[in-house]
Each structure stands twice: as structure tokens, then as C-alpha cells.
Amino acid sequence: MSFQERLSTGEFVILAEMNTPKGVDTSPLVSLARRLKGRVDAVTVPDMDNGIMRMSALAGAVILNQQGIEPILHVYCRDRNRMALQGDILTAYALGIQNLVVVDSEDIANCDHQETMPVNDLDELGLIGAIRSLQQGVDLAGLELNGAPKFVVGCTMAQYADEQALERELEATRKKVEGGAEFVVTPAVYDLKLFSSFMDRAESLGVPIIATVFLLKSVGSARYIANTEPASGISEELIRRIRKASDREMECLRLAGETAAALKELAQGVRFVTLGWEHRLPAILDYAGL
């Protein structure tokens, strides 16, 4: 069953996120894809979202497709103008990519190429509109296409710091849905009670909600997120649990798995983000019973 079919029928979807290599050696990507085949429904492929120059996400998505893994291609506005974005989107479809997710990119200040100039010719809503226009057979200049693509298009929600920020983010997301987004990927979930409360309001968006499970790798990473993102939901109890574990690495994997298992009752899917620990995804899936 395809990603689109699972979404439309209300089935729970399991997504993993895999970065492309910083270089041309794609063997680790291929090896991991083979290990995950049959265990995940699709793989999201970031396009230098974390500000590190890598092989393009389009190339990574094509490689995953060749391995029988359905890719979901990240598209965003920081690095390309509207002509390049439209060209890449058409190319993606011609190469067999049928799923897109429009994301907000990292600020260029965090980039590993500090002299890079951001583009931002469109914003997220404008990019969703551009995709919708292409699917209707017309580009942003109003010119007719010779054949139109058809995608499943999603969007992301940004992290919010307080109640007012949540209201703003829900409204911004609602506009993306009205503009054509068919599913929403949430920020990382660390507190299930907070997420349940969030879902009570997010369900009004009327599209599938896919929750993000971010792998905490250590006490230090958990503490850093708790300090820099106070609304993240990382509690002192959670940090103590990792600190007191006899095997902290395995405890972090177990936490991610337990969170994913619980989210099956709250959302229509999960996306695992492991940032360099993609080789640990099978263990996390085991802990989650997925």
C-alpha cells in the first residue's frame, strides 16, 4: 500500500528521515534503505535543511526509489528562486517522486557555508501555491505545461513557545492546508499529555497529523533542548530516566520507541528523526513494536 493510500484510508504511517551524504558515497544510504525496506512506509529526505551542504535531496530520493523505498522529498525556499523550485519539482515527478513536504529551512546563519546568500523568493504558502498551480497544468508565469504532475503534498509546523505562538502556528498551518497541503508533520513530541492536548485542537485542520519522534542521544542533548526550547515538554523526570539508566544509549532508543508506540493512539503516523543515528532505527522500531 502506498503512502498516499495509507493516508487516505486512515492507516497509521511510519516514516523515517534519512540525510543524503556529504560527498558521493551513497553506499551507507543504500545499505540502510535495504535494512528499513518493509519496516517503514516512506522516507523523508531533507535538502540541506540543517544548513550543511550535502548531495541534493532529489538525488537521494531517486536512489531510495531505486531501492524500493517510497521517498518524501523536502522542498523549501531558502536556496532556490521560483524558477528553480518549479523546475526541480517537475524533475522530481519525471523521476518517479510523487510525495513532497514543504518545510521551513534553517536560518543561513547556522549554515556551514557562511557566505551563502539566502534566496527566499517564495514563502512556504507561496511554494504550496506553486505546487498546486503546477498540478493544475500552469506555471507561476501563467504558462501552460506540457503535462502536469500529481503529488501528495504535506507541510510542517514550527515549534511554538507558548499558547499565543501555538495559536499563530495553527492558523499558519490552516492556511497551508487551505492552500493544498494534505498532511501535517508536527514538531518533536516529548510529552504525550501535551501532545494529546495539542491534537484536540490540531484535528480541526481536517488532514492527517504525523507526529515527529526525535531521538535524544544523551543527557546532554536532552538538557540542551529543555533549556533552549522550554515548551518542548522535556521534563526533569525524563532527563533523570536517561541519566540513571545503566545503558544510556539503549535507554534513549527505548524512549523513542515507547513514544512512537503511544503516538499510535493519538496521531495518524510518526516520523523518526535520528540525525546521524539512522543505523539505530531498526532497534527503535523494535522497541515501538512497529
C-alpha atoms as a PDB file:
ATOM      1  CA  MET A   1       0.000   0.000   0.000  1.00  0.00           C
ATOM      2  CA  SER A   2       1.432   3.391  -0.999  1.00  0.00           C
ATOM      3  CA  PHE A   3       1.938   6.328   1.332  1.00  0.00           C
ATOM      4  CA  GLN A   4      -0.979   8.133  -0.317  1.00  0.00           C
ATOM      5  CA  GLU A   5      -3.248   5.103   0.074  1.00  0.00           C
ATOM      6  CA  ARG A   6      -2.360   4.731   3.745  1.00  0.00           C
ATOM      7  CA  LEU A   7      -3.114   8.401   4.363  1.00  0.00           C
ATOM      8  CA  SER A   8      -6.434   8.328   2.533  1.00  0.00           C
ATOM      9  CA  THR A   9      -7.644   5.158   4.254  1.00  0.00           C
ATOM     10  CA  GLY A  10      -6.664   6.314   7.742  1.00  0.00           C
ATOM     11  CA  GLU A  11      -3.902   3.732   8.194  1.00  0.00           C
ATOM     12  CA  PHE A  12      -1.059   4.536  10.585  1.00  0.00           C
ATOM     13  CA  VAL A  13       2.055   5.586   8.644  1.00  0.00           C
ATOM     14  CA  ILE A  14       5.669   5.080   9.687  1.00  0.00           C
ATOM     15  CA  LEU A  15       8.231   7.488   8.271  1.00  0.00           C
ATOM     16  CA  ALA A  16      11.978   7.616   8.768  1.00  0.00           C
ATOM     17  CA  GLU A  17      14.183  10.565   7.905  1.00  0.00           C
ATOM     18  CA  MET A  18      17.471   9.960   6.101  1.00  0.00           C
ATOM     19  CA  ASN A  19      20.000  12.595   5.063  1.00  0.00           C
ATOM     20  CA  THR A  20      21.935  12.387   1.833  1.00  0.00           C
ATOM     21  CA  PRO A  21      25.735  12.009   2.070  1.00  0.00           C
ATOM     22  CA  LYS A  22      28.160  14.901   2.229  1.00  0.00           C
ATOM     23  CA  GLY A  23      30.012  13.549  -0.771  1.00  0.00           C
ATOM     24  CA  VAL A  24      29.270  10.966  -3.452  1.00  0.00           C
ATOM     25  CA  ASP A  25      29.495   7.707  -1.495  1.00  0.00           C
ATOM     26  CA  THR A  26      25.881   6.576  -1.398  1.00  0.00           C
ATOM     27  CA  SER A  27      26.596   3.071  -0.062  1.00  0.00           C
ATOM     28  CA  PRO A  28      25.565   3.870   3.560  1.00  0.00           C
ATOM     29  CA  LEU A  29      22.278   5.329   2.296  1.00  0.00           C
ATOM     30  CA  VAL A  30      21.609   2.271   0.140  1.00  0.00           C
ATOM     31  CA  SER A  31      22.584  -0.151   2.915  1.00  0.00           C
ATOM     32  CA  LEU A  32      20.274   1.462   5.440  1.00  0.00           C
ATOM     33  CA  ALA A  33      17.439   1.694   2.925  1.00  0.00           C
ATOM     34  CA  ARG A  34      17.681  -2.058   2.415  1.00  0.00           C
ATOM     35  CA  ARG A  35      17.528  -2.642   6.179  1.00  0.00           C
ATOM     36  CA  LEU A  36      14.426  -0.474   6.510  1.00  0.00           C
ATOM     37  CA  LYS A  37      12.570  -1.841   3.497  1.00  0.00           C
ATOM     38  CA  GLY A  38       9.283  -3.316   4.641  1.00  0.00           C
ATOM     39  CA  ARG A  39       9.516  -1.670   8.068  1.00  0.00           C
ATOM     40  CA  VAL A  40       8.725   1.932   7.109  1.00  0.00           C
ATOM     41  CA  ASP A  41       6.112   3.236   4.701  1.00  0.00           C
ATOM     42  CA  ALA A  42       8.220   6.079   3.333  1.00  0.00           C
ATOM     43  CA  VAL A  43      11.421   8.025   3.975  1.00  0.00           C
ATOM     44  CA  THR A  44      11.595  11.807   4.183  1.00  0.00           C
ATOM     45  CA  VAL A  45      14.702  13.240   2.528  1.00  0.00           C
ATOM     46  CA  PRO A  46      15.899  16.637   3.817  1.00  0.00           C
ATOM     47  CA  ASP A  47      17.527  19.045   1.372  1.00  0.00           C
ATOM     48  CA  MET A  48      20.304  20.626   3.438  1.00  0.00           C
ATOM     49  CA  ASP A  49      17.620  21.642   5.948  1.00  0.00           C
ATOM     50  CA  ASN A  50      20.139  21.689   8.798  1.00  0.00           C
ATOM     51  CA  GLY A  51      22.413  24.107   6.965  1.00  0.00           C
ATOM     52  CA  ILE A  52      25.026  21.520   5.932  1.00  0.00           C
ATOM     53  CA  MET A  53      25.903  21.262   2.252  1.00  0.00           C
ATOM     54  CA  ARG A  54      25.116  17.745   1.043  1.00  0.00           C
ATOM     55  CA  MET A  55      24.112  15.854  -2.060  1.00  0.00           C
ATOM     56  CA  SER A  56      20.724  17.156  -3.194  1.00  0.00           C
ATOM     57  CA  ALA A  57      17.614  15.627  -1.709  1.00  0.00           C
ATOM     58  CA  LEU A  58      16.323  14.975  -5.211  1.00  0.00           C
ATOM     59  CA  ALA A  59      19.245  12.645  -5.873  1.00  0.00           C
ATOM     60  CA  GLY A  60      18.703  10.920  -2.524  1.00  0.00           C
ATOM     61  CA  ALA A  61      15.006  10.445  -3.245  1.00  0.00           C
ATOM     62  CA  VAL A  62      15.748   8.862  -6.612  1.00  0.00           C
ATOM     63  CA  ILE A  63      18.286   6.481  -5.015  1.00  0.00           C
ATOM     64  CA  LEU A  64      15.733   5.434  -2.378  1.00  0.00           C
ATOM     65  CA  ASN A  65      13.129   4.916  -5.078  1.00  0.00           C
ATOM     66  CA  GLN A  66      15.537   2.626  -6.901  1.00  0.00           C
ATOM     67  CA  GLN A  67      15.817   0.569  -3.693  1.00  0.00           C
ATOM     68  CA  GLY A  68      12.051   0.170  -3.471  1.00  0.00           C
ATOM     69  CA  ILE A  69      11.644   2.728  -0.678  1.00  0.00           C
ATOM     70  CA  GLU A  70       8.984   5.393  -1.245  1.00  0.00           C
ATOM     71  CA  PRO A  71      10.573   8.835  -0.715  1.00  0.00           C
ATOM     72  CA  ILE A  72       9.037  12.092   0.501  1.00  0.00           C
ATOM     73  CA  LEU A  73      11.093  14.979  -0.839  1.00  0.00           C
ATOM     74  CA  HIS A  74      11.675  18.098   1.266  1.00  0.00           C
ATOM     75  CA  VAL A  75      11.200  21.343  -0.675  1.00  0.00           C
ATOM     76  CA  TYR A  76      11.763  24.817   0.715  1.00  0.00           C
ATOM     77  CA  CYS A  77      12.559  28.359  -0.320  1.00  0.00           C
ATOM     78  CA  ARG A  78      15.938  29.316   1.158  1.00  0.00           C
ATOM     79  CA  ASP A  79      18.251  28.179  -1.618  1.00  0.00           C
ATOM     80  CA  ARG A  80      16.250  28.443  -4.862  1.00  0.00           C
ATOM     81  CA  ASN A  81      14.150  31.015  -6.668  1.00  0.00           C
ATOM     82  CA  ARG A  82      10.701  30.241  -8.038  1.00  0.00           C
ATOM     83  CA  MET A  83      12.002  29.148 -11.447  1.00  0.00           C
ATOM     84  CA  ALA A  84      14.477  26.657  -9.954  1.00  0.00           C
ATOM     85  CA  LEU A  85      11.892  25.363  -7.492  1.00  0.00           C
ATOM     86  CA  GLN A  86       9.353  24.711 -10.224  1.00  0.00           C
ATOM     87  CA  GLY A  87      11.986  23.073 -12.412  1.00  0.00           C
ATOM     88  CA  ASP A  88      13.098  20.761  -9.600  1.00  0.00           C
ATOM     89  CA  ILE A  89       9.515  19.837  -8.764  1.00  0.00           C
ATOM     90  CA  LEU A  90       8.791  18.890 -12.379  1.00  0.00           C
ATOM     91  CA  THR A  91      12.060  16.942 -12.498  1.00  0.00           C
ATOM     92  CA  ALA A  92      11.135  15.089  -9.314  1.00  0.00           C
ATOM     93  CA  TYR A  93       7.868  13.915 -10.823  1.00  0.00           C
ATOM     94  CA  ALA A  94       9.544  12.858 -14.078  1.00  0.00           C
ATOM     95  CA  LEU A  95      11.987  10.767 -11.996  1.00  0.00           C
ATOM     96  CA  GLY A  96       9.216   8.980 -10.128  1.00  0.00           C
ATOM     97  CA  ILE A  97       8.916  11.103  -6.972  1.00  0.00           C
ATOM     98  CA  GLN A  98       5.275  11.586  -6.004  1.00  0.00           C
ATOM     99  CA  ASN A  99       5.439  12.900  -2.425  1.00  0.00           C
ATOM    100  CA  LEU A 100       6.550  16.370  -1.316  1.00  0.00           C
ATOM    101  CA  VAL A 101       6.653  18.102   2.041  1.00  0.00           C
ATOM    102  CA  VAL A 102       7.097  21.871   2.199  1.00  0.00           C
ATOM    103  CA  VAL A 103       9.329  22.798   5.126  1.00  0.00           C
ATOM    104  CA  ASP A 104      10.784  25.882   6.740  1.00  0.00           C
ATOM    105  CA  SER A 105      14.572  25.829   6.364  1.00  0.00           C
ATOM    106  CA  GLU A 106      17.282  26.563   8.908  1.00  0.00           C
ATOM    107  CA  ASP A 107      18.460  30.144   9.085  1.00  0.00           C
ATOM    108  CA  ILE A 108      21.506  30.715   6.912  1.00  0.00           C
ATOM    109  CA  ALA A 109      23.401  31.892   9.998  1.00  0.00           C
ATOM    110  CA  ASN A 110      23.630  28.223  11.042  1.00  0.00           C
ATOM    111  CA  CYS A 111      24.927  27.133   7.638  1.00  0.00           C
ATOM    112  CA  ASP A 112      28.358  25.577   7.104  1.00  0.00           C
ATOM    113  CA  HIS A 113      28.877  27.960   4.154  1.00  0.00           C
ATOM    114  CA  GLN A 114      28.705  31.287   5.960  1.00  0.00           C
ATOM    115  CA  GLU A 115      28.971  33.430   2.807  1.00  0.00           C
ATOM    116  CA  THR A 116      25.875  31.845   1.265  1.00  0.00           C
ATOM    117  CA  MET A 117      23.147  34.289   0.260  1.00  0.00           C
ATOM    118  CA  PRO A 118      19.577  33.186   1.048  1.00  0.00           C
ATOM    119  CA  VAL A 119      17.018  33.424  -1.747  1.00  0.00           C
ATOM    120  CA  ASN A 120      13.520  33.151  -0.209  1.00  0.00           C
ATOM    121  CA  ASP A 121      11.833  34.226  -3.436  1.00  0.00           C
ATOM    122  CA  LEU A 122       8.693  32.494  -2.163  1.00  0.00           C
ATOM    123  CA  ASP A 123       7.490  31.643   1.328  1.00  0.00           C
ATOM    124  CA  GLU A 124       6.017  28.289   2.404  1.00  0.00           C
ATOM    125  CA  LEU A 125       2.480  29.274   1.478  1.00  0.00           C
ATOM    126  CA  GLY A 126       3.688  30.600  -1.868  1.00  0.00           C
ATOM    127  CA  LEU A 127       5.538  27.363  -2.570  1.00  0.00           C
ATOM    128  CA  ILE A 128       2.458  25.285  -1.773  1.00  0.00           C
ATOM    129  CA  GLY A 129       0.565  27.516  -4.188  1.00  0.00           C
ATOM    130  CA  ALA A 130       3.229  26.984  -6.846  1.00  0.00           C
ATOM    131  CA  ILE A 131       2.925  23.198  -6.487  1.00  0.00           C
ATOM    132  CA  ARG A 132      -0.846  23.424  -6.734  1.00  0.00           C
ATOM    133  CA  SER A 133      -0.522  25.545  -9.879  1.00  0.00           C
ATOM    134  CA  LEU A 134       1.849  23.030 -11.476  1.00  0.00           C
ATOM    135  CA  GLN A 135      -0.602  20.241 -10.683  1.00  0.00           C
ATOM    136  CA  GLN A 136      -3.260  22.268 -12.481  1.00  0.00           C
ATOM    137  CA  GLY A 137      -1.002  22.429 -15.531  1.00  0.00           C
ATOM    138  CA  VAL A 138       0.128  26.053 -15.277  1.00  0.00           C
ATOM    139  CA  ASP A 139       3.387  27.582 -14.018  1.00  0.00           C
ATOM    140  CA  LEU A 140       3.696  30.724 -11.911  1.00  0.00           C
ATOM    141  CA  ALA A 141       4.071  32.827 -15.042  1.00  0.00           C
ATOM    142  CA  GLY A 142       0.654  31.620 -16.170  1.00  0.00           C
ATOM    143  CA  LEU A 143       2.065  29.498 -18.990  1.00  0.00           C
ATOM    144  CA  GLU A 144       0.563  26.100 -19.780  1.00  0.00           C
ATOM    145  CA  LEU A 145       2.621  22.993 -19.089  1.00  0.00           C
ATOM    146  CA  ASN A 146       3.094  20.095 -21.453  1.00  0.00           C
ATOM    147  CA  GLY A 147       1.807  17.533 -18.978  1.00  0.00           C
ATOM    148  CA  ALA A 148       1.055  18.195 -15.298  1.00  0.00           C
ATOM    149  CA  PRO A 149       2.496  16.397 -12.250  1.00  0.00           C
ATOM    150  CA  LYS A 150       0.447  14.885  -9.438  1.00  0.00           C
ATOM    151  CA  PHE A 151       1.812  14.854  -5.904  1.00  0.00           C
ATOM    152  CA  VAL A 152       0.824  14.162  -2.334  1.00  0.00           C
ATOM    153  CA  VAL A 153       1.843  17.413  -0.633  1.00  0.00           C
ATOM    154  CA  GLY A 154       2.423  17.954   3.075  1.00  0.00           C
ATOM    155  CA  CYS A 155       3.658  20.749   5.306  1.00  0.00           C
ATOM    156  CA  THR A 156       5.335  21.117   8.670  1.00  0.00           C
ATOM    157  CA  MET A 157       4.549  23.043  11.825  1.00  0.00           C
ATOM    158  CA  ALA A 158       7.205  25.050  13.631  1.00  0.00           C
ATOM    159  CA  GLN A 159       7.972  24.649  17.329  1.00  0.00           C
ATOM    160  CA  TYR A 160       5.931  27.021  19.494  1.00  0.00           C
ATOM    161  CA  ALA A 161       6.974  28.610  22.768  1.00  0.00           C
ATOM    162  CA  ASP A 162       3.616  29.414  24.382  1.00  0.00           C
ATOM    163  CA  GLU A 163      -0.139  29.444  23.910  1.00  0.00           C
ATOM    164  CA  GLN A 164      -0.140  32.536  21.693  1.00  0.00           C
ATOM    165  CA  ALA A 165       2.596  31.101  19.499  1.00  0.00           C
ATOM    166  CA  LEU A 166       0.617  27.864  19.173  1.00  0.00           C
ATOM    167  CA  GLU A 167      -2.452  29.794  18.023  1.00  0.00           C
ATOM    168  CA  ARG A 168      -0.364  31.612  15.412  1.00  0.00           C
ATOM    169  CA  GLU A 169       1.210  28.367  14.221  1.00  0.00           C
ATOM    170  CA  LEU A 170      -2.148  26.605  13.972  1.00  0.00           C
ATOM    171  CA  GLU A 171      -3.524  29.495  11.933  1.00  0.00           C
ATOM    172  CA  ALA A 172      -0.479  29.497   9.644  1.00  0.00           C
ATOM    173  CA  THR A 173      -0.835  25.738   9.203  1.00  0.00           C
ATOM    174  CA  ARG A 174      -4.539  26.080   8.477  1.00  0.00           C
ATOM    175  CA  LYS A 175      -3.677  28.439   5.615  1.00  0.00           C
ATOM    176  CA  LYS A 176      -1.208  25.886   4.236  1.00  0.00           C
ATOM    177  CA  VAL A 177      -3.908  23.211   4.351  1.00  0.00           C
ATOM    178  CA  GLU A 178      -6.353  25.518   2.606  1.00  0.00           C
ATOM    179  CA  GLY A 179      -3.611  26.168   0.052  1.00  0.00           C
ATOM    180  CA  GLY A 180      -3.209  22.496  -0.752  1.00  0.00           C
ATOM    181  CA  ALA A 181      -1.277  20.682   1.999  1.00  0.00           C
ATOM    182  CA  GLU A 182      -2.740  17.209   2.536  1.00  0.00           C
ATOM    183  CA  PHE A 183      -0.934  16.202   5.721  1.00  0.00           C
ATOM    184  CA  VAL A 184       0.910  17.956   8.554  1.00  0.00           C
ATOM    185  CA  VAL A 185       4.148  16.952  10.269  1.00  0.00           C
ATOM    186  CA  THR A 186       4.428  18.224  13.851  1.00  0.00           C
ATOM    187  CA  PRO A 187       7.434  19.350  15.885  1.00  0.00           C
ATOM    188  CA  ALA A 188       9.140  16.738  18.040  1.00  0.00           C
ATOM    189  CA  VAL A 189       6.965  15.158  20.737  1.00  0.00           C
ATOM    190  CA  TYR A 190       8.439  14.537  24.202  1.00  0.00           C
ATOM    191  CA  ASP A 191       5.368  14.902  26.425  1.00  0.00           C
ATOM    192  CA  LEU A 192       2.373  12.773  25.456  1.00  0.00           C
ATOM    193  CA  LYS A 193      -0.095  14.701  27.615  1.00  0.00           C
ATOM    194  CA  LEU A 194       0.908  17.962  25.953  1.00  0.00           C
ATOM    195  CA  PHE A 195       0.627  16.335  22.558  1.00  0.00           C
ATOM    196  CA  SER A 196      -2.817  14.951  23.337  1.00  0.00           C
ATOM    197  CA  SER A 197      -3.952  18.451  24.240  1.00  0.00           C
ATOM    198  CA  PHE A 198      -2.401  19.765  21.034  1.00  0.00           C
ATOM    199  CA  MET A 199      -4.227  17.126  18.991  1.00  0.00           C
ATOM    200  CA  ASP A 200      -7.567  18.200  20.418  1.00  0.00           C
ATOM    201  CA  ARG A 201      -7.020  21.453  18.538  1.00  0.00           C
ATOM    202  CA  ALA A 202      -4.995  20.245  15.545  1.00  0.00           C
ATOM    203  CA  GLU A 203      -7.695  17.786  14.476  1.00  0.00           C
ATOM    204  CA  SER A 204      -9.699  20.795  13.299  1.00  0.00           C
ATOM    205  CA  LEU A 205      -7.202  21.134  10.455  1.00  0.00           C
ATOM    206  CA  GLY A 206      -9.001  18.218   8.838  1.00  0.00           C
ATOM    207  CA  VAL A 207      -5.924  16.418   7.486  1.00  0.00           C
ATOM    208  CA  PRO A 208      -3.739  13.567   8.795  1.00  0.00           C
ATOM    209  CA  ILE A 209      -1.314  14.607  11.536  1.00  0.00           C
ATOM    210  CA  ILE A 210       2.080  12.889  11.593  1.00  0.00           C
ATOM    211  CA  ALA A 211       3.989  13.313  14.855  1.00  0.00           C
ATOM    212  CA  THR A 212       7.760  13.644  14.990  1.00  0.00           C
ATOM    213  CA  VAL A 213       9.793  11.393  17.277  1.00  0.00           C
ATOM    214  CA  PHE A 214      13.229  12.940  17.758  1.00  0.00           C
ATOM    215  CA  LEU A 215      15.900  10.642  19.132  1.00  0.00           C
ATOM    216  CA  LEU A 216      17.536  12.081  22.219  1.00  0.00           C
ATOM    217  CA  LYS A 217      21.081  10.704  22.167  1.00  0.00           C
ATOM    218  CA  SER A 218      22.269  11.640  25.646  1.00  0.00           C
ATOM    219  CA  VAL A 219      21.533  13.510  28.861  1.00  0.00           C
ATOM    220  CA  GLY A 220      23.352  16.472  27.349  1.00  0.00           C
ATOM    221  CA  SER A 221      21.170  16.640  24.256  1.00  0.00           C
ATOM    222  CA  ALA A 222      18.010  16.332  26.348  1.00  0.00           C
ATOM    223  CA  ARG A 223      19.199  19.086  28.693  1.00  0.00           C
ATOM    224  CA  TYR A 224      20.140  21.352  25.788  1.00  0.00           C
ATOM    225  CA  ILE A 225      16.687  21.070  24.181  1.00  0.00           C
ATOM    226  CA  ALA A 226      14.964  21.561  27.553  1.00  0.00           C
ATOM    227  CA  ASN A 227      16.956  24.752  28.131  1.00  0.00           C
ATOM    228  CA  THR A 228      16.688  26.220  24.630  1.00  0.00           C
ATOM    229  CA  GLU A 229      13.106  25.141  23.931  1.00  0.00           C
ATOM    230  CA  PRO A 230      11.258  25.362  27.267  1.00  0.00           C
ATOM    231  CA  ALA A 231       7.938  24.479  25.630  1.00  0.00           C
ATOM    232  CA  SER A 232       9.312  21.257  24.153  1.00  0.00           C
ATOM    233  CA  GLY A 233       7.941  19.168  27.010  1.00  0.00           C
ATOM    234  CA  ILE A 234      11.229  17.595  28.091  1.00  0.00           C
ATOM    235  CA  SER A 235      10.805  17.115  31.832  1.00  0.00           C
ATOM    236  CA  GLU A 236      13.323  16.642  34.606  1.00  0.00           C
ATOM    237  CA  GLU A 237      11.837  13.172  35.090  1.00  0.00           C
ATOM    238  CA  LEU A 238      12.699  12.244  31.506  1.00  0.00           C
ATOM    239  CA  ILE A 239      16.257  13.557  31.895  1.00  0.00           C
ATOM    240  CA  ARG A 240      16.674  11.613  35.157  1.00  0.00           C
ATOM    241  CA  ARG A 241      15.470   8.456  33.456  1.00  0.00           C
ATOM    242  CA  ILE A 242      18.252   8.704  30.880  1.00  0.00           C
ATOM    243  CA  ARG A 243      20.871   9.679  33.461  1.00  0.00           C
ATOM    244  CA  LYS A 244      20.062   6.772  35.794  1.00  0.00           C
ATOM    245  CA  ALA A 245      19.979   4.122  33.064  1.00  0.00           C
ATOM    246  CA  SER A 246      22.764   1.534  33.123  1.00  0.00           C
ATOM    247  CA  ASP A 247      22.964   1.816  29.331  1.00  0.00           C
ATOM    248  CA  ARG A 248      22.037   5.376  28.409  1.00  0.00           C
ATOM    249  CA  GLU A 249      22.212   4.839  24.663  1.00  0.00           C
ATOM    250  CA  MET A 250      19.761   1.949  24.797  1.00  0.00           C
ATOM    251  CA  GLU A 251      17.523   3.925  27.129  1.00  0.00           C
ATOM    252  CA  CYS A 252      17.335   6.724  24.547  1.00  0.00           C
ATOM    253  CA  LEU A 253      16.351   4.201  21.876  1.00  0.00           C
ATOM    254  CA  ARG A 254      13.768   2.701  24.227  1.00  0.00           C
ATOM    255  CA  LEU A 255      12.311   6.150  24.968  1.00  0.00           C
ATOM    256  CA  ALA A 256      11.908   6.904  21.264  1.00  0.00           C
ATOM    257  CA  GLY A 257      10.246   3.538  20.717  1.00  0.00           C
ATOM    258  CA  GLU A 258       7.861   3.954  23.633  1.00  0.00           C
ATOM    259  CA  THR A 259       6.892   7.422  22.445  1.00  0.00           C
ATOM    260  CA  ALA A 260       6.170   6.131  18.949  1.00  0.00           C
ATOM    261  CA  ALA A 261       4.063   3.264  20.287  1.00  0.00           C
ATOM    262  CA  ALA A 262       1.971   5.660  22.381  1.00  0.00           C
ATOM    263  CA  LEU A 263       1.540   8.065  19.462  1.00  0.00           C
ATOM    264  CA  LYS A 264      -0.208   5.334  17.516  1.00  0.00           C
ATOM    265  CA  GLU A 265      -3.277   6.135  19.634  1.00  0.00           C
ATOM    266  CA  LEU A 266      -3.036   9.888  19.085  1.00  0.00           C
ATOM    267  CA  ALA A 267      -1.847  10.644  15.538  1.00  0.00           C
ATOM    268  CA  GLN A 268      -2.070   9.045  12.100  1.00  0.00           C
ATOM    269  CA  GLY A 269       1.645   8.470  11.864  1.00  0.00           C
ATOM    270  CA  VAL A 270       5.137   9.063  13.186  1.00  0.00           C
ATOM    271  CA  ARG A 271       8.310  10.404  11.623  1.00  0.00           C
ATOM    272  CA  PHE A 272      11.575   9.290  13.201  1.00  0.00           C
ATOM    273  CA  VAL A 273      14.386  11.863  13.169  1.00  0.00           C
ATOM    274  CA  THR A 274      17.715  10.439  14.328  1.00  0.00           C
ATOM    275  CA  LEU A 275      20.340  12.852  12.909  1.00  0.00           C
ATOM    276  CA  GLY A 276      23.242  10.539  12.184  1.00  0.00           C
ATOM    277  CA  TRP A 277      21.930   7.560  14.126  1.00  0.00           C
ATOM    278  CA  GLU A 278      19.844   6.197  11.271  1.00  0.00           C
ATOM    279  CA  HIS A 279      21.570   2.834  11.788  1.00  0.00           C
ATOM    280  CA  ARG A 280      19.698   2.629  15.125  1.00  0.00           C
ATOM    281  CA  LEU A 281      16.271   2.918  13.505  1.00  0.00           C
ATOM    282  CA  PRO A 282      15.662  -0.861  13.415  1.00  0.00           C
ATOM    283  CA  ALA A 283      16.200  -1.020  17.198  1.00  0.00           C
ATOM    284  CA  ILE A 284      13.825   1.911  17.770  1.00  0.00           C
ATOM    285  CA  LEU A 285      11.197   0.230  15.603  1.00  0.00           C
ATOM    286  CA  ASP A 286      11.649  -2.936  17.643  1.00  0.00           C
ATOM    287  CA  TYR A 287      11.052  -1.057  20.900  1.00  0.00           C
ATOM    288  CA  ALA A 288       7.997   0.585  19.323  1.00  0.00           C
ATOM    289  CA  GLY A 289       6.608  -2.760  18.193  1.00  0.00           C
ATOM    290  CA  LEU A 290       6.407  -1.439  14.629  1.00  0.00           C
END
